[in-house]
Amino acid sequence: MNNINPYEKCPVYKTEHFTLRLVSEDDIEDLLVCYSDSKSQSIFDSQNFAKNLHCNTVEEMAWYVRFWLEEYRNKMYVRFAIVDNKTKKAIGTVEMFNTKGFLHGRDGGILRIDLASPYETVEYLSELLQLANDNFFELFGAKVIITKGRPGEAARLAALSSAGYRPYNCEAREHYYMLSTPQG
């Protein structure tokens, strides 16, 4: 495992289309486009979250961003802003954390990807999943990563399959897909 602690210094990642970095209050207005998008909302994974991820106002979006930053300070998870490299606007978020011994005794990472609906394509999702696969196992000390993909989410399911994720059957987690490290 590397010596980077994402809760001490959050890494920044760059792909062809996106930059991932810790979410900030500067992202509030940009993220409102994603989190007020009714097409996107149906895809968000808000399981085990007290509030749904539906925002209509800057104030509601500000509450979430501040909450995510507080959770980050408490070392609960990292919520990355997904910034479009062309427009320089945040178009969604990626959340990642590891729960030791959570998945049948294995160190399991939970990956959440929330995107504005125009970005919910196989190409963009595959790019984000590849970034997660290349970096998050080591960064978070995870042996497996699970993420949600519901029936009817064709682009997401195709991207998950292409990235090597397979259905993860568990009573408490419906419509999840899992990828293991070779040692996982």
Protein backbone atom coordinates (compact mmCIF):
# COMPACT_ATOMS: atom_id res chain seq x y z
CA MET A 1 0.00 0.00 0.00
CA ASN A 2 1.16 3.54 -0.70
CA ASN A 3 1.90 6.08 2.00
CA ILE A 4 -0.66 8.62 0.79
CA ASN A 5 -3.45 9.36 3.22
CA PRO A 6 -6.29 10.93 1.19
CA TYR A 7 -7.65 12.53 4.39
CA GLU A 8 -4.42 14.44 4.99
CA LYS A 9 -3.83 15.52 1.39
CA CYS A 10 -6.52 14.71 -1.10
CA PRO A 11 -4.98 13.68 -4.42
CA VAL A 12 -5.97 15.26 -7.71
CA TYR A 13 -6.47 13.03 -10.74
CA LYS A 14 -6.63 14.02 -14.39
CA THR A 15 -8.07 12.00 -17.26
CA GLU A 16 -8.71 12.93 -20.87
CA HIS A 17 -12.03 14.64 -20.10
CA PHE A 18 -12.04 15.19 -16.34
CA THR A 19 -10.14 16.36 -13.29
CA LEU A 20 -11.09 14.84 -9.94
CA ARG A 21 -10.27 16.84 -6.82
CA LEU A 22 -11.78 17.36 -3.41
CA VAL A 23 -15.16 19.05 -3.66
CA SER A 24 -15.18 22.69 -2.53
CA GLU A 25 -17.71 25.40 -1.77
CA ASP A 26 -16.70 26.97 -5.10
CA ASP A 27 -18.47 24.04 -6.79
CA ILE A 28 -21.92 24.72 -5.31
CA GLU A 29 -23.53 26.49 -8.28
CA ASP A 30 -21.99 24.10 -10.83
CA LEU A 31 -23.09 21.02 -8.88
CA LEU A 32 -26.64 22.31 -8.58
CA VAL A 33 -27.01 21.59 -12.32
CA CYS A 34 -26.25 17.91 -11.64
CA TYR A 35 -28.16 17.51 -8.38
CA SER A 36 -31.30 19.27 -9.67
CA ASP A 37 -31.33 17.14 -12.86
CA SER A 38 -34.29 14.74 -12.57
CA LYS A 39 -32.70 12.27 -15.03
CA SER A 40 -29.54 12.16 -12.90
CA GLN A 41 -31.35 11.90 -9.57
CA SER A 42 -32.82 8.51 -10.39
CA ILE A 43 -29.30 7.12 -10.80
CA PHE A 44 -27.71 8.53 -7.63
CA ASP A 45 -26.77 6.00 -4.97
CA SER A 46 -28.03 7.55 -1.76
CA GLN A 47 -28.40 4.24 0.12
CA ASN A 48 -27.83 4.69 3.86
CA PHE A 49 -28.04 8.46 3.50
CA ALA A 50 -30.60 10.28 5.64
CA LYS A 51 -31.61 12.76 2.92
CA ASN A 52 -32.17 12.18 -0.78
CA LEU A 53 -29.77 13.86 -3.16
CA HIS A 54 -32.35 16.16 -4.73
CA CYS A 55 -31.52 19.85 -4.72
CA ASN A 56 -33.51 22.73 -6.16
CA THR A 57 -31.71 25.67 -4.59
CA VAL A 58 -28.20 26.92 -4.04
CA GLU A 59 -28.88 26.70 -0.30
CA GLU A 60 -29.72 22.98 -0.54
CA MET A 61 -26.63 22.28 -2.63
CA ALA A 62 -24.50 24.29 -0.19
CA TRP A 63 -25.79 22.11 2.66
CA TYR A 64 -24.58 18.97 0.85
CA VAL A 65 -21.18 20.37 -0.06
CA ARG A 66 -20.59 21.51 3.53
CA PHE A 67 -21.79 18.13 4.81
CA TRP A 68 -19.42 16.30 2.44
CA LEU A 69 -16.51 18.47 3.57
CA GLU A 70 -17.35 17.82 7.23
CA GLU A 71 -17.48 14.06 6.54
CA TYR A 72 -14.10 14.38 4.82
CA ARG A 73 -12.64 16.18 7.86
CA ASN A 74 -14.03 13.34 10.00
CA LYS A 75 -12.32 10.81 7.68
CA MET A 76 -15.61 9.16 6.70
CA TYR A 77 -15.18 9.38 2.92
CA VAL A 78 -13.72 11.49 0.14
CA ARG A 79 -16.16 13.30 -2.14
CA PHE A 80 -14.31 14.34 -5.30
CA ALA A 81 -15.72 16.96 -7.66
CA ILE A 82 -15.69 15.80 -11.29
CA VAL A 83 -14.57 18.83 -13.28
CA ASP A 84 -15.00 18.90 -17.05
CA ASN A 85 -11.55 19.79 -18.41
CA LYS A 86 -13.06 21.82 -21.28
CA THR A 87 -15.65 23.89 -19.42
CA LYS A 88 -13.82 23.92 -16.05
CA LYS A 89 -17.20 23.31 -14.36
CA ALA A 90 -18.02 20.62 -11.80
CA ILE A 91 -20.45 18.23 -13.49
CA GLY A 92 -20.83 15.67 -10.72
CA THR A 93 -19.05 13.92 -7.88
CA VAL A 94 -17.31 10.67 -7.04
CA GLU A 95 -17.42 9.38 -3.48
CA MET A 96 -15.11 6.67 -2.21
CA PHE A 97 -14.41 5.11 1.16
CA ASN A 98 -13.26 1.82 2.60
CA THR A 99 -15.07 -0.07 5.31
CA LYS A 100 -12.71 -2.53 6.94
CA GLY A 101 -14.14 -6.04 7.04
CA PHE A 102 -17.44 -4.87 5.54
CA LEU A 103 -17.80 -7.22 2.57
CA HIS A 104 -17.70 -10.74 3.97
CA GLY A 105 -14.60 -9.90 6.01
CA ARG A 106 -12.76 -8.19 3.15
CA ASP A 107 -11.74 -4.54 3.07
CA GLY A 108 -14.36 -3.15 0.74
CA GLY A 109 -14.54 0.20 -0.95
CA ILE A 110 -17.85 1.80 -1.81
CA LEU A 111 -17.76 3.88 -4.99
CA ARG A 112 -20.51 6.35 -5.84
CA ILE A 113 -20.55 8.23 -9.13
CA ASP A 114 -23.08 11.06 -9.55
CA LEU A 115 -23.08 12.72 -12.97
CA ALA A 116 -25.19 15.31 -14.77
CA SER A 117 -27.28 13.35 -17.30
CA PRO A 118 -25.43 14.54 -20.47
CA TYR A 119 -22.31 12.85 -19.05
CA GLU A 120 -24.00 9.52 -18.22
CA THR A 121 -22.43 7.80 -21.24
CA VAL A 122 -20.40 4.62 -21.63
CA GLU A 123 -17.35 6.66 -22.66
CA TYR A 124 -17.37 9.00 -19.66
CA LEU A 125 -18.38 6.36 -17.12
CA SER A 126 -15.67 4.01 -18.43
CA GLU A 127 -13.11 6.78 -18.06
CA LEU A 128 -14.14 7.40 -14.42
CA LEU A 129 -14.26 3.69 -13.59
CA GLN A 130 -10.78 3.20 -15.08
CA LEU A 131 -9.47 6.03 -12.92
CA ALA A 132 -11.05 4.40 -9.85
CA ASN A 133 -9.71 0.96 -10.77
CA ASP A 134 -6.19 2.31 -11.34
CA ASN A 135 -6.03 4.39 -8.15
CA PHE A 136 -8.65 3.69 -5.50
CA PHE A 137 -7.76 0.12 -4.52
CA GLU A 138 -4.36 1.26 -3.34
CA LEU A 139 -5.36 4.73 -2.12
CA PHE A 140 -8.14 3.37 0.11
CA GLY A 141 -6.57 -0.01 0.94
CA ALA A 142 -9.54 -1.85 -0.58
CA LYS A 143 -9.51 -5.45 -1.79
CA VAL A 144 -12.87 -5.02 -3.52
CA ILE A 145 -14.88 -2.06 -4.78
CA ILE A 146 -18.64 -2.14 -5.10
CA THR A 147 -20.82 0.36 -6.91
CA LYS A 148 -24.45 0.59 -7.94
CA GLY A 149 -25.93 -0.12 -11.37
CA ARG A 150 -29.71 -0.53 -11.63
CA PRO A 151 -31.68 -2.27 -14.36
CA GLY A 152 -32.44 0.19 -17.13
CA GLU A 153 -29.21 2.17 -16.68
CA ALA A 154 -27.79 0.89 -19.97
CA ALA A 155 -24.71 3.13 -20.18
CA ARG A 156 -23.73 2.51 -16.57
CA LEU A 157 -24.23 -1.25 -16.82
CA ALA A 158 -22.22 -1.43 -20.05
CA ALA A 159 -19.38 0.61 -18.53
CA LEU A 160 -19.38 -1.56 -15.38
CA SER A 161 -19.24 -4.76 -17.43
CA SER A 162 -16.46 -3.40 -19.64
CA ALA A 163 -14.46 -2.37 -16.55
CA GLY A 164 -14.69 -5.92 -15.13
CA TYR A 165 -17.40 -5.37 -12.50
CA ARG A 166 -19.69 -8.33 -11.86
CA PRO A 167 -23.03 -8.55 -10.00
CA TYR A 168 -22.64 -8.54 -6.23
CA ASN A 169 -25.47 -10.39 -4.57
CA CYS A 170 -26.19 -9.37 -1.01
CA GLU A 171 -29.51 -8.90 0.75
CA ALA A 172 -28.58 -5.49 2.13
CA ARG A 173 -27.30 -4.14 -1.20
CA GLU A 174 -29.54 -4.40 -4.22
CA HIS A 175 -28.20 -3.77 -7.75
CA TYR A 176 -24.53 -3.57 -6.80
CA TYR A 177 -21.54 -4.63 -8.86
CA MET A 178 -18.13 -5.63 -7.56
CA LEU A 179 -14.55 -5.66 -8.77
CA SER A 180 -11.79 -7.41 -6.81
CA THR A 181 -8.07 -6.94 -6.86
CA PRO A 182 -6.18 -10.08 -7.86
CA GLN A 183 -5.51 -10.57 -4.12
CA GLY A 184 -9.14 -9.71 -3.16
